[in-house]
């Protein structure tokens, strides 16, 4: 993972936790394409997030399959503003 992507991931996890979400790094367990992180809101809304260092970075085929299978909970995030908007939209929908 590139440094920019790791910094974004850490910043987003910290933000989520500050706002009452559980934030958990998903470990690679032999399942290809598993998103990077799991986020659970105080009202039990679950999101899976794949972090990319920028909007130009492409998903691998295995990552595309996760997004296609779970389109409402798998999100690709490449900037902090998009992440905060995602969490805000989930809070509004609850």
C-alpha atoms as a PDB file:
ATOM      1  CA  UNK A   1       0.000   0.000   0.000  1.00  0.00           C
ATOM      2  CA  UNK A   2       1.328   3.396  -0.893  1.00  0.00           C
ATOM      3  CA  UNK A   3       1.989   5.997   1.737  1.00  0.00           C
ATOM      4  CA  UNK A   4      -0.734   8.385   0.492  1.00  0.00           C
ATOM      5  CA  UNK A   5      -3.308   5.614   0.637  1.00  0.00           C
ATOM      6  CA  UNK A   6      -2.242   4.563   4.125  1.00  0.00           C
ATOM      7  CA  UNK A   7      -2.420   8.156   5.373  1.00  0.00           C
ATOM      8  CA  UNK A   8      -5.925   8.544   3.916  1.00  0.00           C
ATOM      9  CA  UNK A   9      -7.041   5.270   5.468  1.00  0.00           C
ATOM     10  CA  UNK A  10      -5.696   6.234   8.905  1.00  0.00           C
ATOM     11  CA  UNK A  11      -7.272   9.706   8.724  1.00  0.00           C
ATOM     12  CA  UNK A  12     -10.640   8.249   7.757  1.00  0.00           C
ATOM     13  CA  UNK A  13     -10.539   5.642  10.521  1.00  0.00           C
ATOM     14  CA  UNK A  14      -9.747   8.331  13.091  1.00  0.00           C
ATOM     15  CA  UNK A  15     -12.568  10.544  11.797  1.00  0.00           C
ATOM     16  CA  UNK A  16     -15.066   7.681  11.898  1.00  0.00           C
ATOM     17  CA  UNK A  17     -14.124   6.757  15.459  1.00  0.00           C
ATOM     18  CA  UNK A  18     -14.401  10.389  16.579  1.00  0.00           C
ATOM     19  CA  UNK A  19     -17.944  10.376  15.194  1.00  0.00           C
ATOM     20  CA  UNK A  20     -19.044   7.226  16.998  1.00  0.00           C
ATOM     21  CA  UNK A  21     -18.387   4.661  14.275  1.00  0.00           C
ATOM     22  CA  UNK A  22     -16.491   1.428  14.795  1.00  0.00           C
ATOM     23  CA  UNK A  23     -13.579   1.349  12.366  1.00  0.00           C
ATOM     24  CA  UNK A  24     -11.715  -1.855  11.713  1.00  0.00           C
ATOM     25  CA  UNK A  25      -8.911  -2.741   9.300  1.00  0.00           C
ATOM     26  CA  UNK A  26      -9.801  -5.989   7.554  1.00  0.00           C
ATOM     27  CA  UNK A  27      -6.958  -8.452   7.474  1.00  0.00           C
ATOM     28  CA  UNK A  28      -6.129 -10.335   4.343  1.00  0.00           C
ATOM     29  CA  UNK A  29      -7.331 -13.868   4.969  1.00  0.00           C
ATOM     30  CA  UNK A  30      -6.942 -15.577   1.635  1.00  0.00           C
ATOM     31  CA  UNK A  31     -10.065 -13.996   0.148  1.00  0.00           C
ATOM     32  CA  UNK A  32      -8.940 -11.872  -2.765  1.00  0.00           C
ATOM     33  CA  UNK A  33     -10.450  -8.437  -3.225  1.00  0.00           C
ATOM     34  CA  UNK A  34     -11.688  -7.977   0.343  1.00  0.00           C
ATOM     35  CA  UNK A  35     -12.136  -4.228   0.985  1.00  0.00           C
ATOM     36  CA  UNK A  36      -9.621  -2.490   3.229  1.00  0.00           C
ATOM     37  CA  UNK A  37     -11.855  -1.497   6.134  1.00  0.00           C
ATOM     38  CA  UNK A  38     -15.175  -2.151   7.847  1.00  0.00           C
ATOM     39  CA  UNK A  39     -17.110   0.752   9.367  1.00  0.00           C
ATOM     40  CA  UNK A  40     -20.186   0.312  11.577  1.00  0.00           C
ATOM     41  CA  UNK A  41     -22.307   3.267  12.657  1.00  0.00           C
ATOM     42  CA  UNK A  42     -23.863   3.649  16.122  1.00  0.00           C
ATOM     43  CA  UNK A  43     -27.136   2.546  14.472  1.00  0.00           C
ATOM     44  CA  UNK A  44     -25.497  -0.561  12.999  1.00  0.00           C
ATOM     45  CA  UNK A  45     -25.130   0.590   9.399  1.00  0.00           C
ATOM     46  CA  UNK A  46     -22.221  -1.342   7.892  1.00  0.00           C
ATOM     47  CA  UNK A  47     -19.922  -0.033   5.178  1.00  0.00           C
ATOM     48  CA  UNK A  48     -16.967  -1.697   3.508  1.00  0.00           C
ATOM     49  CA  UNK A  49     -14.416   0.713   2.081  1.00  0.00           C
ATOM     50  CA  UNK A  50     -11.682   0.152  -0.461  1.00  0.00           C
ATOM     51  CA  UNK A  51      -9.176   3.008  -0.274  1.00  0.00           C
ATOM     52  CA  UNK A  52      -7.321   4.197  -3.358  1.00  0.00           C
ATOM     53  CA  UNK A  53      -4.628   6.865  -3.363  1.00  0.00           C
ATOM     54  CA  UNK A  54      -6.420   8.829  -6.079  1.00  0.00           C
ATOM     55  CA  UNK A  55      -9.410   8.632  -8.390  1.00  0.00           C
ATOM     56  CA  UNK A  56      -7.267   7.328 -11.256  1.00  0.00           C
ATOM     57  CA  UNK A  57      -6.348   4.085  -9.540  1.00  0.00           C
ATOM     58  CA  UNK A  58      -8.324   1.124 -10.890  1.00  0.00           C
ATOM     59  CA  UNK A  59      -9.971  -1.675  -8.964  1.00  0.00           C
ATOM     60  CA  UNK A  60      -8.568  -5.149  -9.475  1.00  0.00           C
ATOM     61  CA  UNK A  61     -11.008  -7.747 -10.831  1.00  0.00           C
ATOM     62  CA  UNK A  62     -11.495  -9.313  -7.396  1.00  0.00           C
ATOM     63  CA  UNK A  63     -12.290  -5.888  -5.915  1.00  0.00           C
ATOM     64  CA  UNK A  64     -14.823  -5.249  -8.680  1.00  0.00           C
ATOM     65  CA  UNK A  65     -16.585  -8.485  -7.777  1.00  0.00           C
ATOM     66  CA  UNK A  66     -17.041  -7.351  -4.169  1.00  0.00           C
ATOM     67  CA  UNK A  67     -18.441  -4.015  -5.345  1.00  0.00           C
ATOM     68  CA  UNK A  68     -20.805  -5.708  -7.813  1.00  0.00           C
ATOM     69  CA  UNK A  69     -21.995  -8.229  -5.218  1.00  0.00           C
ATOM     70  CA  UNK A  70     -22.585  -5.645  -2.459  1.00  0.00           C
ATOM     71  CA  UNK A  71     -23.175  -2.333  -4.256  1.00  0.00           C
ATOM     72  CA  UNK A  72     -24.925  -0.619  -1.342  1.00  0.00           C
ATOM     73  CA  UNK A  73     -22.232  -1.238   1.235  1.00  0.00           C
ATOM     74  CA  UNK A  74     -18.935  -1.386  -0.711  1.00  0.00           C
ATOM     75  CA  UNK A  75     -17.489   2.042  -1.480  1.00  0.00           C
ATOM     76  CA  UNK A  76     -14.270   3.162  -3.130  1.00  0.00           C
ATOM     77  CA  UNK A  77     -12.774   6.231  -1.472  1.00  0.00           C
ATOM     78  CA  UNK A  78      -9.858   8.275  -2.756  1.00  0.00           C
ATOM     79  CA  UNK A  79     -10.187  11.491  -0.745  1.00  0.00           C
ATOM     80  CA  UNK A  80     -11.131  12.549   2.755  1.00  0.00           C
ATOM     81  CA  UNK A  81     -14.022  14.770   1.676  1.00  0.00           C
ATOM     82  CA  UNK A  82     -15.715  11.872  -0.096  1.00  0.00           C
ATOM     83  CA  UNK A  83     -15.357   9.777   3.054  1.00  0.00           C
ATOM     84  CA  UNK A  84     -16.859  12.397   5.367  1.00  0.00           C
ATOM     85  CA  UNK A  85     -19.726  12.875   2.878  1.00  0.00           C
ATOM     86  CA  UNK A  86     -20.319   9.113   2.828  1.00  0.00           C
ATOM     87  CA  UNK A  87     -20.587   8.924   6.600  1.00  0.00           C
ATOM     88  CA  UNK A  88     -22.822  12.014   6.698  1.00  0.00           C
ATOM     89  CA  UNK A  89     -25.144  10.530   4.082  1.00  0.00           C
ATOM     90  CA  UNK A  90     -25.491   7.385   6.185  1.00  0.00           C
ATOM     91  CA  UNK A  91     -26.313   9.422   9.292  1.00  0.00           C
ATOM     92  CA  UNK A  92     -28.989  11.325   7.353  1.00  0.00           C
ATOM     93  CA  UNK A  93     -30.512   8.107   6.053  1.00  0.00           C
ATOM     94  CA  UNK A  94     -30.937   6.606   9.487  1.00  0.00           C
END
